[in-house]
Amino acid sequence: MSTKFEAARRMAQKNLTDMTDAEDATITKAARDDPDALPVDSLMRKKRGRPFAETTKTKVSIRLSPEVLEALRATGKGWQTRVDDVLRKELGL
């Protein structure tokens, strides 16, 4: 680590140990009143990976002719979603 970073870290730790309860309460209140400030827990405990969808799809097995399947896969990544979109449109959903 850089020397500047270490010096800043030591100064911050010293300032924290020298802080009074009143100063701590004032800073905490100001942080809670700030509409742009996020709670520390939301920053530290952010879950990794893709978020869960509100509505999930159901896995099914369907038989398609080889030509249809080949044509669908030839459209590239996301072909299953496009099939879902076409079926929804055809069914008026």
N, C-alpha and C. Protein backbone atom coordinates (compact mmCIF):
# COMPACT_ATOMS: atom_id res chain seq x y z
N MET A 1 0.83 -1.18 0.00
CA MET A 1 0.00 0.00 0.00
C MET A 1 0.87 1.24 0.00
N SER A 2 0.29 2.31 -0.51
CA SER A 2 1.06 3.54 -0.59
C SER A 2 1.20 4.18 0.78
N THR A 3 2.23 4.97 0.92
CA THR A 3 2.50 5.65 2.18
C THR A 3 1.40 6.66 2.49
N LYS A 4 0.90 7.36 1.44
CA LYS A 4 -0.17 8.34 1.64
C LYS A 4 -1.43 7.66 2.17
N PHE A 5 -1.73 6.51 1.62
CA PHE A 5 -2.93 5.78 2.04
C PHE A 5 -2.80 5.36 3.50
N GLU A 6 -1.64 4.83 3.86
CA GLU A 6 -1.42 4.41 5.25
C GLU A 6 -1.52 5.58 6.21
N ALA A 7 -0.98 6.73 5.82
CA ALA A 7 -1.03 7.91 6.67
C ALA A 7 -2.49 8.37 6.84
N ALA A 8 -3.24 8.35 5.77
CA ALA A 8 -4.65 8.75 5.84
C ALA A 8 -5.45 7.78 6.70
N ARG A 9 -5.14 6.49 6.59
CA ARG A 9 -5.83 5.49 7.38
C ARG A 9 -5.54 5.67 8.87
N ARG A 10 -4.27 5.91 9.20
CA ARG A 10 -3.91 6.13 10.60
C ARG A 10 -4.59 7.38 11.16
N MET A 11 -4.65 8.46 10.36
CA MET A 11 -5.30 9.69 10.80
C MET A 11 -6.80 9.46 11.03
N ALA A 12 -7.43 8.72 10.14
CA ALA A 12 -8.86 8.45 10.28
C ALA A 12 -9.12 7.62 11.53
N GLN A 13 -8.29 6.63 11.78
CA GLN A 13 -8.46 5.81 12.98
C GLN A 13 -8.27 6.64 14.25
N LYS A 14 -7.31 7.53 14.24
CA LYS A 14 -7.07 8.39 15.40
C LYS A 14 -8.26 9.31 15.62
N ASN A 15 -8.80 9.88 14.53
CA ASN A 15 -9.95 10.77 14.65
C ASN A 15 -11.17 10.02 15.18
N LEU A 16 -11.31 8.76 14.79
CA LEU A 16 -12.44 7.98 15.28
C LEU A 16 -12.32 7.71 16.78
N THR A 17 -11.12 7.44 17.23
CA THR A 17 -10.94 7.16 18.66
C THR A 17 -11.10 8.43 19.49
N ASP A 18 -10.81 9.60 18.90
CA ASP A 18 -10.92 10.88 19.62
C ASP A 18 -12.35 11.44 19.56
N MET A 19 -13.25 10.83 18.79
CA MET A 19 -14.59 11.36 18.61
C MET A 19 -15.43 11.16 19.88
N THR A 20 -16.17 12.20 20.24
CA THR A 20 -17.06 12.10 21.39
C THR A 20 -18.38 11.48 20.96
N ASP A 21 -19.17 11.06 21.92
CA ASP A 21 -20.49 10.49 21.64
C ASP A 21 -21.40 11.52 20.96
N ALA A 22 -21.28 12.78 21.37
CA ALA A 22 -22.11 13.83 20.78
C ALA A 22 -21.75 14.04 19.31
N GLU A 23 -20.45 14.04 19.00
CA GLU A 23 -20.02 14.19 17.61
C GLU A 23 -20.49 13.00 16.77
N ASP A 24 -20.37 11.83 17.33
CA ASP A 24 -20.82 10.63 16.63
C ASP A 24 -22.32 10.70 16.34
N ALA A 25 -23.10 11.13 17.32
CA ALA A 25 -24.56 11.25 17.14
C ALA A 25 -24.89 12.29 16.07
N THR A 26 -24.18 13.41 16.05
CA THR A 26 -24.40 14.46 15.05
C THR A 26 -24.11 13.95 13.65
N ILE A 27 -22.99 13.25 13.49
CA ILE A 27 -22.61 12.72 12.18
C ILE A 27 -23.61 11.65 11.73
N THR A 28 -24.00 10.78 12.64
CA THR A 28 -24.97 9.73 12.30
C THR A 28 -26.30 10.33 11.88
N LYS A 29 -26.77 11.36 12.59
CA LYS A 29 -28.04 12.01 12.24
C LYS A 29 -27.94 12.66 10.86
N ALA A 30 -26.83 13.33 10.59
CA ALA A 30 -26.65 13.98 9.29
C ALA A 30 -26.65 12.95 8.16
N ALA A 31 -26.02 11.82 8.39
CA ALA A 31 -25.97 10.76 7.36
C ALA A 31 -27.36 10.18 7.13
N ARG A 32 -28.12 9.99 8.20
CA ARG A 32 -29.48 9.42 8.06
C ARG A 32 -30.42 10.41 7.37
N ASP A 33 -30.21 11.71 7.59
CA ASP A 33 -31.07 12.73 6.99
C ASP A 33 -30.72 13.01 5.54
N ASP A 34 -29.54 12.58 5.09
CA ASP A 34 -29.10 12.82 3.72
C ASP A 34 -29.84 11.86 2.78
N PRO A 35 -30.65 12.38 1.85
CA PRO A 35 -31.42 11.50 0.96
C PRO A 35 -30.54 10.72 -0.03
N ASP A 36 -29.34 11.19 -0.27
CA ASP A 36 -28.45 10.51 -1.22
C ASP A 36 -27.58 9.44 -0.55
N ALA A 37 -27.55 9.42 0.76
CA ALA A 37 -26.70 8.46 1.47
C ALA A 37 -27.40 7.11 1.55
N LEU A 38 -26.68 6.06 1.23
CA LEU A 38 -27.19 4.70 1.35
C LEU A 38 -26.77 4.11 2.68
N PRO A 39 -27.62 3.27 3.27
CA PRO A 39 -27.20 2.60 4.50
C PRO A 39 -25.96 1.74 4.24
N VAL A 40 -25.09 1.67 5.19
CA VAL A 40 -23.85 0.91 5.03
C VAL A 40 -24.15 -0.56 4.73
N ASP A 41 -25.17 -1.12 5.36
CA ASP A 41 -25.50 -2.52 5.13
C ASP A 41 -25.80 -2.80 3.67
N SER A 42 -26.48 -1.88 2.99
CA SER A 42 -26.82 -2.12 1.60
C SER A 42 -25.57 -2.12 0.72
N LEU A 43 -24.55 -1.40 1.14
CA LEU A 43 -23.31 -1.38 0.36
C LEU A 43 -22.46 -2.61 0.65
N MET A 44 -22.42 -2.99 1.91
CA MET A 44 -21.54 -4.08 2.31
C MET A 44 -22.13 -5.45 2.01
N ARG A 45 -23.44 -5.57 2.02
CA ARG A 45 -24.07 -6.87 1.88
C ARG A 45 -24.74 -7.05 0.53
N LYS A 46 -24.22 -6.36 -0.47
CA LYS A 46 -24.80 -6.48 -1.80
C LYS A 46 -24.60 -7.90 -2.31
N LYS A 47 -25.70 -8.49 -2.74
CA LYS A 47 -25.62 -9.87 -3.20
C LYS A 47 -25.04 -9.92 -4.60
N ARG A 48 -24.30 -10.96 -4.84
CA ARG A 48 -23.67 -11.13 -6.14
C ARG A 48 -24.60 -11.90 -7.06
N GLY A 49 -24.36 -11.76 -8.33
CA GLY A 49 -25.11 -12.52 -9.31
C GLY A 49 -26.35 -11.79 -9.81
N ARG A 50 -27.07 -12.48 -10.62
CA ARG A 50 -28.26 -11.93 -11.24
C ARG A 50 -29.40 -11.85 -10.22
N PRO A 51 -30.13 -10.71 -10.19
CA PRO A 51 -31.24 -10.62 -9.25
C PRO A 51 -32.39 -11.54 -9.65
N PHE A 52 -33.16 -11.96 -8.66
CA PHE A 52 -34.29 -12.82 -8.93
C PHE A 52 -35.37 -12.05 -9.67
N ALA A 53 -35.99 -12.70 -10.65
CA ALA A 53 -37.07 -12.08 -11.41
C ALA A 53 -38.34 -12.08 -10.57
N GLU A 54 -39.18 -11.06 -10.77
CA GLU A 54 -40.44 -11.01 -10.05
C GLU A 54 -41.36 -12.13 -10.52
N THR A 55 -41.40 -12.32 -11.81
CA THR A 55 -42.19 -13.42 -12.36
C THR A 55 -41.23 -14.37 -13.07
N THR A 56 -41.29 -15.61 -12.71
CA THR A 56 -40.38 -16.58 -13.31
C THR A 56 -41.12 -17.39 -14.37
N LYS A 57 -40.36 -17.94 -15.27
CA LYS A 57 -40.92 -18.77 -16.32
C LYS A 57 -40.88 -20.23 -15.88
N THR A 58 -41.72 -21.03 -16.49
CA THR A 58 -41.80 -22.44 -16.18
C THR A 58 -41.06 -23.24 -17.24
N LYS A 59 -40.23 -24.15 -16.80
CA LYS A 59 -39.48 -24.98 -17.72
C LYS A 59 -40.39 -26.08 -18.26
N VAL A 60 -40.43 -26.22 -19.59
CA VAL A 60 -41.24 -27.25 -20.23
C VAL A 60 -40.41 -27.95 -21.28
N SER A 61 -40.89 -29.09 -21.70
CA SER A 61 -40.26 -29.82 -22.78
C SER A 61 -41.22 -29.80 -23.96
N ILE A 62 -40.71 -29.49 -25.14
CA ILE A 62 -41.55 -29.40 -26.32
C ILE A 62 -40.82 -30.05 -27.49
N ARG A 63 -41.57 -30.73 -28.35
CA ARG A 63 -40.98 -31.37 -29.52
C ARG A 63 -41.17 -30.46 -30.72
N LEU A 64 -40.05 -30.16 -31.38
CA LEU A 64 -40.07 -29.33 -32.58
C LEU A 64 -39.40 -30.08 -33.71
N SER A 65 -39.80 -29.76 -34.92
CA SER A 65 -39.14 -30.39 -36.07
C SER A 65 -37.71 -29.86 -36.14
N PRO A 66 -36.80 -30.67 -36.67
CA PRO A 66 -35.39 -30.24 -36.74
C PRO A 66 -35.21 -28.94 -37.51
N GLU A 67 -36.01 -28.73 -38.55
CA GLU A 67 -35.87 -27.51 -39.35
C GLU A 67 -36.26 -26.27 -38.54
N VAL A 68 -37.35 -26.41 -37.77
CA VAL A 68 -37.80 -25.28 -36.95
C VAL A 68 -36.76 -24.96 -35.88
N LEU A 69 -36.27 -25.97 -35.22
CA LEU A 69 -35.27 -25.76 -34.18
C LEU A 69 -34.00 -25.14 -34.75
N GLU A 70 -33.57 -25.63 -35.89
CA GLU A 70 -32.37 -25.08 -36.54
C GLU A 70 -32.56 -23.62 -36.90
N ALA A 71 -33.75 -23.29 -37.44
CA ALA A 71 -34.02 -21.90 -37.82
C ALA A 71 -34.06 -21.00 -36.59
N LEU A 72 -34.64 -21.49 -35.49
CA LEU A 72 -34.70 -20.70 -34.26
C LEU A 72 -33.31 -20.46 -33.70
N ARG A 73 -32.52 -21.49 -33.62
CA ARG A 73 -31.16 -21.36 -33.08
C ARG A 73 -30.28 -20.49 -33.96
N ALA A 74 -30.57 -20.47 -35.25
CA ALA A 74 -29.78 -19.66 -36.18
C ALA A 74 -29.99 -18.17 -35.94
N THR A 75 -31.07 -17.80 -35.23
CA THR A 75 -31.30 -16.38 -34.96
C THR A 75 -30.36 -15.84 -33.88
N GLY A 76 -29.62 -16.73 -33.23
CA GLY A 76 -28.61 -16.30 -32.26
C GLY A 76 -29.05 -16.41 -30.82
N LYS A 77 -28.21 -15.85 -29.98
CA LYS A 77 -28.45 -15.91 -28.54
C LYS A 77 -29.78 -15.25 -28.20
N GLY A 78 -30.53 -15.87 -27.29
CA GLY A 78 -31.83 -15.34 -26.89
C GLY A 78 -32.98 -15.87 -27.71
N TRP A 79 -32.73 -16.92 -28.45
CA TRP A 79 -33.78 -17.44 -29.33
C TRP A 79 -34.98 -17.96 -28.54
N GLN A 80 -34.74 -18.50 -27.36
CA GLN A 80 -35.85 -19.01 -26.55
C GLN A 80 -36.76 -17.87 -26.07
N THR A 81 -36.17 -16.75 -25.74
CA THR A 81 -36.96 -15.59 -25.35
C THR A 81 -37.78 -15.08 -26.53
N ARG A 82 -37.19 -15.09 -27.71
CA ARG A 82 -37.93 -14.67 -28.90
C ARG A 82 -39.08 -15.62 -29.19
N VAL A 83 -38.91 -16.92 -28.97
CA VAL A 83 -40.00 -17.88 -29.14
C VAL A 83 -41.12 -17.54 -28.17
N ASP A 84 -40.77 -17.23 -26.93
CA ASP A 84 -41.77 -16.86 -25.93
C ASP A 84 -42.52 -15.60 -26.38
N ASP A 85 -41.79 -14.62 -26.92
CA ASP A 85 -42.43 -13.39 -27.39
C ASP A 85 -43.40 -13.66 -28.53
N VAL A 86 -43.00 -14.52 -29.47
CA VAL A 86 -43.86 -14.85 -30.61
C VAL A 86 -45.12 -15.56 -30.13
N LEU A 87 -44.97 -16.51 -29.21
CA LEU A 87 -46.13 -17.23 -28.69
C LEU A 87 -47.08 -16.29 -27.92
N ARG A 88 -46.51 -15.40 -27.13
CA ARG A 88 -47.34 -14.44 -26.40
C ARG A 88 -48.12 -13.57 -27.36
N LYS A 89 -47.45 -13.10 -28.41
CA LYS A 89 -48.11 -12.24 -29.40
C LYS A 89 -49.22 -13.01 -30.12
N GLU A 90 -48.92 -14.24 -30.51
CA GLU A 90 -49.90 -15.06 -31.22
C GLU A 90 -51.13 -15.38 -30.36
N LEU A 91 -50.89 -15.54 -29.06
CA LEU A 91 -51.99 -15.86 -28.14
C LEU A 91 -52.68 -14.60 -27.59
N GLY A 92 -52.17 -13.43 -27.96
CA GLY A 92 -52.78 -12.19 -27.51
C GLY A 92 -52.55 -11.87 -26.05
N LEU A 93 -51.40 -12.30 -25.53
CA LEU A 93 -51.09 -12.06 -24.11
C LEU A 93 -50.22 -10.84 -23.93
